Structures are given as structure tokens and as C-alpha cells.
Amino acid sequence: MTSQIITLVGVLAGALVSFVATHWAERTRFRQTLATRWDERKLDAYIQYISCVKEEVRMARQAVEASERGEDNTEALAAMEAAEARRSVLFEGLILLSNDAAADAARTVNERTWSLLNSARRPAGEASTHHRELGNLVIEALNSLHGAARQDLAMQHRNRPLRVVP
């Protein structure tokens, strides 16, 4: 009878160990799947936000250049304003998903982008005075955001930063 009890205890211990190991493995797999899903969403949020900012910068440049040539810049300004509305919405998603460093970098991008857009809204002559310098400040802020995003996503490789236009 003692051998049967020892056998029964062994079977129960084996079942318990098997249950705990399976539970731990499933929980780890679930956490990895969840982390991957959030990282994909973060990456999408970063890409959409940065792409929208770049579109705003491009539209602001077109508006200023059209104004300097004495042409109508209302289409470029309208596209710039539409991109600004999208950027505002995309920023909210980015803030919800990103870490603190990336959120701070995105806030800096916002501030510098607003300065650039305000410059583009000015009348001809006034707009181009500091426009290129403001554009370079946005690019520098985007480079900082790229670095913060890579750290947030735990990406170890180094990309070359965007080039600042002289």
C-alpha cells in the first residue's frame, strides 16, 4: 500500500508540475503576443504622425514659395491646414501609446511645427524671413523623435538622422 501511495503522490506531483509549466508558458506567450500587438500599433502611430508632420512642412514650404513668386498660395495653405487637423488627431494616439521620452519629443515637434505653420500663414515677404530656419528646427525635432521612438520600440540599430538643409 505504501508503494501505491508513493506512486499516487508522484503522479499528482507530476500533474501539478505539468500544469504549472503549461500555465506559465501560455501566460508568457500571451504577454509576448500582446506586447507585439502594441508595438505594431506604436510603430503605426509613429509613422503616421511623422508622415503627417512631413506633409505639413512640405505644404508650408510650397505656400511660402508660391507667395514669394507672387502666386496664389491658398491651395497649399488649405492642404497645410488639413494636414494640421490630421496631425492633431494622430498626436493624441501617439501620446496614448508612446513612452514619456517619445511623448516629450513629439510635443517639441508640435511646437516647432506650429511656429513653421504660423510663418507660412504670414503675408509674402514676412513668411520667408525665418522659414528655412524654422523648417530645420522641425527636422531636428523629428530626428529626436525618431531616436525616442526607436528606444520605445527597443530597436537597437542606428539610422542616420535627416539632413538639415543649409
C-alpha atoms as a PDB file:
ATOM      1  CA  MET A   1       0.000   0.000   0.000  1.00  0.00           C
ATOM      2  CA  THR A   2       2.912   2.347   0.691  1.00  0.00           C
ATOM      3  CA  SER A   3       4.190   1.894  -2.842  1.00  0.00           C
ATOM      4  CA  GLN A   4       0.764   2.796  -4.214  1.00  0.00           C
ATOM      5  CA  ILE A   5       0.658   5.990  -2.125  1.00  0.00           C
ATOM      6  CA  ILE A   6       4.161   6.937  -3.302  1.00  0.00           C
ATOM      7  CA  THR A   7       3.099   6.282  -6.896  1.00  0.00           C
ATOM      8  CA  LEU A   8      -0.072   8.342  -6.436  1.00  0.00           C
ATOM      9  CA  VAL A   9       1.894  11.238  -4.879  1.00  0.00           C
ATOM     10  CA  GLY A  10       4.380  11.050  -7.758  1.00  0.00           C
ATOM     11  CA  VAL A  11       1.576  11.181 -10.334  1.00  0.00           C
ATOM     12  CA  LEU A  12      -0.064  14.123  -8.532  1.00  0.00           C
ATOM     13  CA  ALA A  13       3.255  15.967  -8.262  1.00  0.00           C
ATOM     14  CA  GLY A  14       3.940  15.360 -11.956  1.00  0.00           C
ATOM     15  CA  ALA A  15       0.479  16.615 -12.892  1.00  0.00           C
ATOM     16  CA  LEU A  16       0.940  19.714 -10.750  1.00  0.00           C
ATOM     17  CA  VAL A  17       4.354  20.471 -12.261  1.00  0.00           C
ATOM     18  CA  SER A  18       2.960  19.914 -15.752  1.00  0.00           C
ATOM     19  CA  PHE A  19       0.009  22.228 -15.036  1.00  0.00           C
ATOM     20  CA  VAL A  20       2.238  24.995 -13.625  1.00  0.00           C
ATOM     21  CA  ALA A  21       4.704  24.750 -16.514  1.00  0.00           C
ATOM     22  CA  THR A  22       1.937  24.831 -19.124  1.00  0.00           C
ATOM     23  CA  HIS A  23       0.220  27.742 -17.398  1.00  0.00           C
ATOM     24  CA  TRP A  24       3.492  29.689 -17.196  1.00  0.00           C
ATOM     25  CA  ALA A  25       4.318  29.009 -20.865  1.00  0.00           C
ATOM     26  CA  GLU A  26       0.837  30.073 -22.013  1.00  0.00           C
ATOM     27  CA  ARG A  27       0.962  33.222 -19.917  1.00  0.00           C
ATOM     28  CA  THR A  28       4.393  34.121 -21.325  1.00  0.00           C
ATOM     29  CA  ARG A  29       3.183  33.515 -24.872  1.00  0.00           C
ATOM     30  CA  PHE A  30       0.102  35.684 -24.267  1.00  0.00           C
ATOM     31  CA  ARG A  31       2.243  38.522 -22.907  1.00  0.00           C
ATOM     32  CA  GLN A  32       4.585  38.305 -25.904  1.00  0.00           C
ATOM     33  CA  THR A  33       1.640  38.359 -28.317  1.00  0.00           C
ATOM     34  CA  LEU A  34       0.141  41.345 -26.528  1.00  0.00           C
ATOM     35  CA  ALA A  35       3.466  43.215 -26.500  1.00  0.00           C
ATOM     36  CA  THR A  36       3.948  42.542 -30.208  1.00  0.00           C
ATOM     37  CA  ARG A  37       0.465  43.817 -30.986  1.00  0.00           C
ATOM     38  CA  TRP A  38       1.077  47.044 -29.035  1.00  0.00           C
ATOM     39  CA  ASP A  39       4.483  47.513 -30.662  1.00  0.00           C
ATOM     40  CA  GLU A  40       2.846  47.243 -34.088  1.00  0.00           C
ATOM     41  CA  ARG A  41       0.305  49.879 -33.110  1.00  0.00           C
ATOM     42  CA  LYS A  42       3.040  52.115 -31.718  1.00  0.00           C
ATOM     43  CA  LEU A  43       5.047  51.805 -34.912  1.00  0.00           C
ATOM     44  CA  ASP A  44       1.981  52.693 -36.991  1.00  0.00           C
ATOM     45  CA  ALA A  45       1.258  55.698 -34.746  1.00  0.00           C
ATOM     46  CA  TYR A  46       4.837  56.955 -35.093  1.00  0.00           C
ATOM     47  CA  ILE A  47       4.871  56.502 -38.861  1.00  0.00           C
ATOM     48  CA  GLN A  48       1.521  58.198 -39.399  1.00  0.00           C
ATOM     49  CA  TYR A  49       2.349  61.124 -37.123  1.00  0.00           C
ATOM     50  CA  ILE A  50       5.810  61.738 -38.603  1.00  0.00           C
ATOM     51  CA  SER A  51       4.498  61.400 -42.166  1.00  0.00           C
ATOM     52  CA  CYS A  52       1.795  63.940 -41.428  1.00  0.00           C
ATOM     53  CA  VAL A  53       4.309  66.414 -39.976  1.00  0.00           C
ATOM     54  CA  LYS A  54       6.492  65.997 -43.052  1.00  0.00           C
ATOM     55  CA  GLU A  55       3.458  66.676 -45.245  1.00  0.00           C
ATOM     56  CA  GLU A  56       2.750  69.848 -43.255  1.00  0.00           C
ATOM     57  CA  VAL A  57       6.333  71.013 -43.689  1.00  0.00           C
ATOM     58  CA  ARG A  58       6.147  70.355 -47.432  1.00  0.00           C
ATOM     59  CA  MET A  59       2.837  72.223 -47.781  1.00  0.00           C
ATOM     60  CA  ALA A  60       4.150  75.151 -45.721  1.00  0.00           C
ATOM     61  CA  ARG A  61       7.220  75.343 -47.970  1.00  0.00           C
ATOM     62  CA  GLN A  62       5.014  75.294 -51.071  1.00  0.00           C
ATOM     63  CA  ALA A  63       2.807  78.044 -49.649  1.00  0.00           C
ATOM     64  CA  VAL A  64       5.806  80.264 -48.892  1.00  0.00           C
ATOM     65  CA  GLU A  65       7.412  79.607 -52.283  1.00  0.00           C
ATOM     66  CA  ALA A  66       4.150  80.392 -54.100  1.00  0.00           C
ATOM     67  CA  SER A  67       3.787  83.577 -52.083  1.00  0.00           C
ATOM     68  CA  GLU A  68       7.375  84.598 -52.900  1.00  0.00           C
ATOM     69  CA  ARG A  69       6.671  84.121 -56.623  1.00  0.00           C
ATOM     70  CA  GLY A  70       3.549  86.256 -56.293  1.00  0.00           C
ATOM     71  CA  GLU A  71       1.287  83.276 -56.966  1.00  0.00           C
ATOM     72  CA  ASP A  72      -1.860  82.219 -55.143  1.00  0.00           C
ATOM     73  CA  ASN A  73      -0.951  80.007 -52.209  1.00  0.00           C
ATOM     74  CA  THR A  74      -4.476  79.228 -50.985  1.00  0.00           C
ATOM     75  CA  GLU A  75      -4.375  75.582 -52.151  1.00  0.00           C
ATOM     76  CA  ALA A  76      -1.102  74.923 -50.362  1.00  0.00           C
ATOM     77  CA  LEU A  77      -2.391  76.669 -47.236  1.00  0.00           C
ATOM     78  CA  ALA A  78      -5.620  74.643 -47.342  1.00  0.00           C
ATOM     79  CA  ALA A  79      -3.634  71.395 -47.691  1.00  0.00           C
ATOM     80  CA  MET A  80      -1.392  72.541 -44.845  1.00  0.00           C
ATOM     81  CA  GLU A  81      -4.403  73.208 -42.610  1.00  0.00           C
ATOM     82  CA  ALA A  82      -5.938  69.822 -43.483  1.00  0.00           C
ATOM     83  CA  ALA A  83      -2.656  68.113 -42.582  1.00  0.00           C
ATOM     84  CA  GLU A  84      -2.574  70.098 -39.329  1.00  0.00           C
ATOM     85  CA  ALA A  85      -6.036  68.798 -38.416  1.00  0.00           C
ATOM     86  CA  ARG A  86      -4.880  65.205 -39.104  1.00  0.00           C
ATOM     87  CA  ARG A  87      -1.650  65.737 -37.155  1.00  0.00           C
ATOM     88  CA  SER A  88      -3.633  66.894 -34.131  1.00  0.00           C
ATOM     89  CA  VAL A  89      -5.690  63.693 -34.125  1.00  0.00           C
ATOM     90  CA  LEU A  90      -2.649  61.487 -34.760  1.00  0.00           C
ATOM     91  CA  PHE A  91      -0.798  63.181 -31.897  1.00  0.00           C
ATOM     92  CA  GLU A  92      -3.439  62.007 -29.423  1.00  0.00           C
ATOM     93  CA  GLY A  93      -2.935  58.378 -30.449  1.00  0.00           C
ATOM     94  CA  LEU A  94       0.827  58.763 -30.295  1.00  0.00           C
ATOM     95  CA  ILE A  95       0.640  60.201 -26.765  1.00  0.00           C
ATOM     96  CA  LEU A  96      -1.536  57.302 -25.617  1.00  0.00           C
ATOM     97  CA  LEU A  97       0.856  54.665 -26.970  1.00  0.00           C
ATOM     98  CA  SER A  98       4.339  56.155 -26.584  1.00  0.00           C
ATOM     99  CA  ASN A  99       6.673  56.345 -23.625  1.00  0.00           C
ATOM    100  CA  ASP A 100       7.427  59.638 -21.868  1.00  0.00           C
ATOM    101  CA  ALA A 101      10.586  60.427 -23.849  1.00  0.00           C
ATOM    102  CA  ALA A 102       8.829  59.983 -27.187  1.00  0.00           C
ATOM    103  CA  ALA A 103       5.816  61.986 -25.978  1.00  0.00           C
ATOM    104  CA  ASP A 104       8.109  64.856 -24.959  1.00  0.00           C
ATOM    105  CA  ALA A 105       9.894  64.692 -28.319  1.00  0.00           C
ATOM    106  CA  ALA A 106       6.521  64.779 -30.114  1.00  0.00           C
ATOM    107  CA  ARG A 107       5.484  67.835 -28.084  1.00  0.00           C
ATOM    108  CA  THR A 108       8.658  69.575 -29.249  1.00  0.00           C
ATOM    109  CA  VAL A 109       7.822  68.612 -32.837  1.00  0.00           C
ATOM    110  CA  ASN A 110       4.367  70.133 -32.345  1.00  0.00           C
ATOM    111  CA  GLU A 111       5.728  73.411 -31.012  1.00  0.00           C
ATOM    112  CA  ARG A 112       8.241  73.782 -33.816  1.00  0.00           C
ATOM    113  CA  THR A 113       5.686  72.781 -36.433  1.00  0.00           C
ATOM    114  CA  TRP A 114       3.258  75.416 -35.159  1.00  0.00           C
ATOM    115  CA  SER A 115       5.977  78.072 -35.490  1.00  0.00           C
ATOM    116  CA  LEU A 116       6.628  76.947 -39.050  1.00  0.00           C
ATOM    117  CA  LEU A 117       2.923  76.983 -39.937  1.00  0.00           C
ATOM    118  CA  ASN A 118       2.471  80.443 -38.432  1.00  0.00           C
ATOM    119  CA  SER A 119       5.365  81.631 -40.570  1.00  0.00           C
ATOM    120  CA  ALA A 120       3.744  80.166 -43.701  1.00  0.00           C
ATOM    121  CA  ARG A 121       0.462  81.947 -42.919  1.00  0.00           C
ATOM    122  CA  ARG A 122       2.127  85.369 -42.960  1.00  0.00           C
ATOM    123  CA  PRO A 123       1.938  87.644 -45.994  1.00  0.00           C
ATOM    124  CA  ALA A 124       4.557  87.467 -48.748  1.00  0.00           C
ATOM    125  CA  GLY A 125       7.963  88.715 -47.661  1.00  0.00           C
ATOM    126  CA  GLU A 126       7.328  88.178 -43.958  1.00  0.00           C
ATOM    127  CA  ALA A 127       6.891  84.423 -44.291  1.00  0.00           C
ATOM    128  CA  SER A 128      10.232  83.567 -45.843  1.00  0.00           C
ATOM    129  CA  THR A 129      12.383  85.503 -43.372  1.00  0.00           C
ATOM    130  CA  HIS A 130      12.886  82.627 -40.953  1.00  0.00           C
ATOM    131  CA  HIS A 131      11.021  79.898 -42.781  1.00  0.00           C
ATOM    132  CA  ARG A 132      14.070  77.770 -43.695  1.00  0.00           C
ATOM    133  CA  GLU A 133      15.456  78.061 -40.164  1.00  0.00           C
ATOM    134  CA  LEU A 134      12.085  77.033 -38.706  1.00  0.00           C
ATOM    135  CA  GLY A 135      11.948  74.091 -41.116  1.00  0.00           C
ATOM    136  CA  ASN A 136      15.391  72.962 -39.941  1.00  0.00           C
ATOM    137  CA  LEU A 137      14.214  73.153 -36.327  1.00  0.00           C
ATOM    138  CA  VAL A 138      11.290  70.867 -37.189  1.00  0.00           C
ATOM    139  CA  ILE A 139      13.703  68.414 -38.847  1.00  0.00           C
ATOM    140  CA  GLU A 140      15.940  68.418 -35.762  1.00  0.00           C
ATOM    141  CA  ALA A 141      12.895  67.747 -33.565  1.00  0.00           C
ATOM    142  CA  LEU A 142      11.849  64.906 -35.892  1.00  0.00           C
ATOM    143  CA  ASN A 143      15.340  63.400 -35.572  1.00  0.00           C
ATOM    144  CA  SER A 144      14.929  63.447 -31.783  1.00  0.00           C
ATOM    145  CA  LEU A 145      11.508  61.830 -32.125  1.00  0.00           C
ATOM    146  CA  HIS A 146      12.980  59.120 -34.363  1.00  0.00           C
ATOM    147  CA  GLY A 147      15.551  58.300 -31.682  1.00  0.00           C
ATOM    148  CA  ALA A 148      12.973  58.271 -28.890  1.00  0.00           C
ATOM    149  CA  ALA A 149      10.665  56.082 -30.987  1.00  0.00           C
ATOM    150  CA  ARG A 150      13.465  53.583 -31.669  1.00  0.00           C
ATOM    151  CA  GLN A 151      14.170  53.384 -27.936  1.00  0.00           C
ATOM    152  CA  ASP A 152      10.473  52.983 -27.172  1.00  0.00           C
ATOM    153  CA  LEU A 153      10.233  50.158 -29.689  1.00  0.00           C
ATOM    154  CA  ALA A 154      13.517  48.656 -28.402  1.00  0.00           C
ATOM    155  CA  MET A 155      15.155  48.932 -31.798  1.00  0.00           C
ATOM    156  CA  GLN A 156      18.923  48.738 -31.446  1.00  0.00           C
ATOM    157  CA  HIS A 157      20.104  49.826 -34.902  1.00  0.00           C
ATOM    158  CA  ARG A 158      21.087  53.397 -35.637  1.00  0.00           C
ATOM    159  CA  ASN A 159      19.593  55.230 -38.560  1.00  0.00           C
ATOM    160  CA  ARG A 160      21.245  58.294 -39.955  1.00  0.00           C
ATOM    161  CA  PRO A 161      19.284  61.409 -38.998  1.00  0.00           C
ATOM    162  CA  LEU A 162      17.508  63.529 -41.566  1.00  0.00           C
ATOM    163  CA  ARG A 163      19.762  66.116 -43.141  1.00  0.00           C
ATOM    164  CA  VAL A 164      19.286  69.748 -42.139  1.00  0.00           C
ATOM    165  CA  VAL A 165      19.005  71.990 -45.183  1.00  0.00           C
ATOM    166  CA  PRO A 166      21.580  74.831 -45.118  1.00  0.00           C
END
